[in-house]
Amino acid sequence: MSLTSAATLATLDRTGPRRITDLAAVEGVTQPAMTALVRVMEESGLVERRGDASDKRVTLVCLTEAGAIYVRTRRQAGVHAFERLIGELTGDEIEALVAALPALRHLAELESQDREGPKQ
């Protein structure tokens, strides 16, 4: 799976259903590229398109249960990888990581806000 596909699934998991144009803007790709990407993920059973109850002209891309499971599995694999790697650090290195946690949390918040893009 491409990084853009994985990032798009993570965005949908974090923010809920989105328009293709919104996803394209958030992920930094063109609308035609996102349309093609969504089609592939739809064929794989990871996303589905649904109508928007508030505007019948709009189609939203939504995670399927398989897509949500994929995102959770990827995240858990990342957690396990970091656990293993952190276990190989020295005490001083672990202390340095702990001291950096507030700054890392702030970076994650900023990145999340940036990736969410404009609200619907």
C-alpha atoms as a PDB file:
ATOM      1  CA  MET A   1       0.000   0.000   0.000  1.00  0.00           C
ATOM      2  CA  SER A   2       1.281   3.446  -0.859  1.00  0.00           C
ATOM      3  CA  LEU A   3       2.021   6.052   1.782  1.00  0.00           C
ATOM      4  CA  THR A   4      -0.745   8.238   0.355  1.00  0.00           C
ATOM      5  CA  SER A   5      -3.240   5.383   0.645  1.00  0.00           C
ATOM      6  CA  ALA A   6      -2.236   4.690   4.241  1.00  0.00           C
ATOM      7  CA  ALA A   7      -2.338   8.404   5.078  1.00  0.00           C
ATOM      8  CA  THR A   8      -5.785   8.746   3.487  1.00  0.00           C
ATOM      9  CA  LEU A   9      -7.124   5.835   5.520  1.00  0.00           C
ATOM     10  CA  ALA A  10      -5.657   7.356   8.684  1.00  0.00           C
ATOM     11  CA  THR A  11      -7.260  10.718   7.843  1.00  0.00           C
ATOM     12  CA  LEU A  12     -10.653   9.072   7.374  1.00  0.00           C
ATOM     13  CA  ASP A  13     -10.196   7.213  10.654  1.00  0.00           C
ATOM     14  CA  ARG A  14      -9.329  10.452  12.478  1.00  0.00           C
ATOM     15  CA  THR A  15     -11.804  12.834  10.864  1.00  0.00           C
ATOM     16  CA  GLY A  16     -14.659  10.681   9.603  1.00  0.00           C
ATOM     17  CA  PRO A  17     -16.176  10.689   6.115  1.00  0.00           C
ATOM     18  CA  ARG A  18     -14.776  13.296   3.714  1.00  0.00           C
ATOM     19  CA  ARG A  19     -15.335  14.536   0.187  1.00  0.00           C
ATOM     20  CA  ILE A  20     -12.756  13.453  -2.371  1.00  0.00           C
ATOM     21  CA  THR A  21     -11.788  17.094  -2.928  1.00  0.00           C
ATOM     22  CA  ASP A  22     -11.130  17.518   0.818  1.00  0.00           C
ATOM     23  CA  LEU A  23      -9.057  14.347   0.935  1.00  0.00           C
ATOM     24  CA  ALA A  24      -7.032  15.488  -2.066  1.00  0.00           C
ATOM     25  CA  ALA A  25      -6.267  18.819  -0.386  1.00  0.00           C
ATOM     26  CA  VAL A  26      -5.353  17.236   2.945  1.00  0.00           C
ATOM     27  CA  GLU A  27      -3.099  14.627   1.352  1.00  0.00           C
ATOM     28  CA  GLY A  28      -1.532  17.066  -1.112  1.00  0.00           C
ATOM     29  CA  VAL A  29      -2.556  15.312  -4.322  1.00  0.00           C
ATOM     30  CA  THR A  30      -4.749  16.288  -7.248  1.00  0.00           C
ATOM     31  CA  GLN A  31      -8.449  15.532  -7.230  1.00  0.00           C
ATOM     32  CA  PRO A  32      -8.110  13.074 -10.175  1.00  0.00           C
ATOM     33  CA  ALA A  33      -5.295  11.257  -8.347  1.00  0.00           C
ATOM     34  CA  MET A  34      -7.425  10.996  -5.189  1.00  0.00           C
ATOM     35  CA  THR A  35     -10.387   9.762  -7.240  1.00  0.00           C
ATOM     36  CA  ALA A  36      -8.214   6.979  -8.670  1.00  0.00           C
ATOM     37  CA  LEU A  37      -6.800   6.173  -5.225  1.00  0.00           C
ATOM     38  CA  VAL A  38     -10.276   5.988  -3.695  1.00  0.00           C
ATOM     39  CA  ARG A  39     -11.405   3.705  -6.521  1.00  0.00           C
ATOM     40  CA  VAL A  40      -8.547   1.279  -5.785  1.00  0.00           C
ATOM     41  CA  MET A  41      -9.227   1.362  -2.027  1.00  0.00           C
ATOM     42  CA  GLU A  42     -12.934   0.879  -2.709  1.00  0.00           C
ATOM     43  CA  GLU A  43     -12.196  -2.185  -4.869  1.00  0.00           C
ATOM     44  CA  SER A  44     -10.026  -3.487  -2.002  1.00  0.00           C
ATOM     45  CA  GLY A  45     -12.931  -3.096   0.418  1.00  0.00           C
ATOM     46  CA  LEU A  46     -11.167  -0.494   2.586  1.00  0.00           C
ATOM     47  CA  VAL A  47     -13.483   2.452   1.814  1.00  0.00           C
ATOM     48  CA  GLU A  48     -16.941   3.009   0.418  1.00  0.00           C
ATOM     49  CA  ARG A  49     -18.763   5.978  -1.042  1.00  0.00           C
ATOM     50  CA  ARG A  50     -21.968   7.180   0.578  1.00  0.00           C
ATOM     51  CA  GLY A  51     -24.337  10.030  -0.070  1.00  0.00           C
ATOM     52  CA  ASP A  52     -24.316  12.989   2.296  1.00  0.00           C
ATOM     53  CA  ALA A  53     -27.642  13.236   4.138  1.00  0.00           C
ATOM     54  CA  SER A  54     -27.325  17.037   4.320  1.00  0.00           C
ATOM     55  CA  ASP A  55     -26.621  17.483   0.599  1.00  0.00           C
ATOM     56  CA  LYS A  56     -27.796  14.842  -1.859  1.00  0.00           C
ATOM     57  CA  ARG A  57     -25.347  16.122  -4.508  1.00  0.00           C
ATOM     58  CA  VAL A  58     -22.330  15.229  -2.350  1.00  0.00           C
ATOM     59  CA  THR A  59     -20.618  11.862  -2.094  1.00  0.00           C
ATOM     60  CA  LEU A  60     -18.493  11.114   0.959  1.00  0.00           C
ATOM     61  CA  VAL A  61     -15.687   8.586   1.245  1.00  0.00           C
ATOM     62  CA  CYS A  62     -16.042   6.462   4.386  1.00  0.00           C
ATOM     63  CA  LEU A  63     -13.887   3.791   5.998  1.00  0.00           C
ATOM     64  CA  THR A  64     -15.321   0.307   5.939  1.00  0.00           C
ATOM     65  CA  GLU A  65     -14.817  -2.028   8.886  1.00  0.00           C
ATOM     66  CA  ALA A  66     -11.958  -3.648   6.945  1.00  0.00           C
ATOM     67  CA  GLY A  67     -10.392  -0.208   6.471  1.00  0.00           C
ATOM     68  CA  ALA A  68     -10.687   0.590  10.175  1.00  0.00           C
ATOM     69  CA  ILE A  69      -9.107  -2.753  11.067  1.00  0.00           C
ATOM     70  CA  TYR A  70      -6.262  -2.072   8.630  1.00  0.00           C
ATOM     71  CA  VAL A  71      -5.570   1.325  10.247  1.00  0.00           C
ATOM     72  CA  ARG A  72      -5.626  -0.154  13.766  1.00  0.00           C
ATOM     73  CA  THR A  73      -3.341  -3.012  12.720  1.00  0.00           C
ATOM     74  CA  ARG A  74      -0.811  -0.601  11.158  1.00  0.00           C
ATOM     75  CA  ARG A  75      -0.829   1.594  14.238  1.00  0.00           C
ATOM     76  CA  GLN A  76      -0.314  -1.376  16.533  1.00  0.00           C
ATOM     77  CA  ALA A  77       2.581  -2.599  14.391  1.00  0.00           C
ATOM     78  CA  GLY A  78       4.162   0.840  14.721  1.00  0.00           C
ATOM     79  CA  VAL A  79       3.719   0.757  18.487  1.00  0.00           C
ATOM     80  CA  HIS A  80       5.384  -2.652  18.697  1.00  0.00           C
ATOM     81  CA  ALA A  81       8.277  -1.482  16.525  1.00  0.00           C
ATOM     82  CA  PHE A  82       8.869   1.546  18.768  1.00  0.00           C
ATOM     83  CA  GLU A  83       8.614  -0.580  21.915  1.00  0.00           C
ATOM     84  CA  ARG A  84      11.294  -2.896  20.584  1.00  0.00           C
ATOM     85  CA  LEU A  85      13.565  -0.047  19.539  1.00  0.00           C
ATOM     86  CA  ILE A  86      13.112   1.906  22.764  1.00  0.00           C
ATOM     87  CA  GLY A  87      14.090  -1.232  24.634  1.00  0.00           C
ATOM     88  CA  GLU A  88      17.519  -0.962  22.992  1.00  0.00           C
ATOM     89  CA  LEU A  89      18.207   2.593  24.216  1.00  0.00           C
ATOM     90  CA  THR A  90      20.423   3.528  27.137  1.00  0.00           C
ATOM     91  CA  GLY A  91      18.998   5.079  30.297  1.00  0.00           C
ATOM     92  CA  ASP A  92      20.240   8.521  29.271  1.00  0.00           C
ATOM     93  CA  GLU A  93      18.628   8.195  25.861  1.00  0.00           C
ATOM     94  CA  ILE A  94      15.303   7.191  27.432  1.00  0.00           C
ATOM     95  CA  GLU A  95      15.491  10.201  29.768  1.00  0.00           C
ATOM     96  CA  ALA A  96      16.107  12.441  26.760  1.00  0.00           C
ATOM     97  CA  LEU A  97      13.031  11.007  25.040  1.00  0.00           C
ATOM     98  CA  VAL A  98      10.891  11.550  28.138  1.00  0.00           C
ATOM     99  CA  ALA A  99      12.095  15.158  28.344  1.00  0.00           C
ATOM    100  CA  ALA A 100      11.156  15.655  24.684  1.00  0.00           C
ATOM    101  CA  LEU A 101       7.603  14.288  25.038  1.00  0.00           C
ATOM    102  CA  PRO A 102       5.869  17.678  25.512  1.00  0.00           C
ATOM    103  CA  ALA A 103       7.458  19.021  22.323  1.00  0.00           C
ATOM    104  CA  LEU A 104       6.630  15.809  20.426  1.00  0.00           C
ATOM    105  CA  ARG A 105       2.987  15.985  21.575  1.00  0.00           C
ATOM    106  CA  HIS A 106       2.806  19.573  20.369  1.00  0.00           C
ATOM    107  CA  LEU A 107       4.244  18.570  16.977  1.00  0.00           C
ATOM    108  CA  ALA A 108       1.649  15.791  16.690  1.00  0.00           C
ATOM    109  CA  GLU A 109      -1.143  18.267  17.462  1.00  0.00           C
ATOM    110  CA  LEU A 110       0.145  20.709  14.853  1.00  0.00           C
ATOM    111  CA  GLU A 111       0.482  17.972  12.245  1.00  0.00           C
ATOM    112  CA  SER A 112      -3.018  16.703  12.991  1.00  0.00           C
ATOM    113  CA  GLN A 113      -4.494  20.187  12.609  1.00  0.00           C
ATOM    114  CA  ASP A 114      -2.594  20.689   9.358  1.00  0.00           C
ATOM    115  CA  ARG A 115      -3.711  17.341   7.900  1.00  0.00           C
ATOM    116  CA  GLU A 116      -7.369  17.837   8.838  1.00  0.00           C
ATOM    117  CA  GLY A 117      -7.520  20.879   6.623  1.00  0.00           C
ATOM    118  CA  PRO A 118     -10.694  22.915   6.356  1.00  0.00           C
ATOM    119  CA  LYS A 119     -13.703  21.708   8.308  1.00  0.00           C
ATOM    120  CA  GLN A 120     -16.827  20.697   6.396  1.00  0.00           C
END
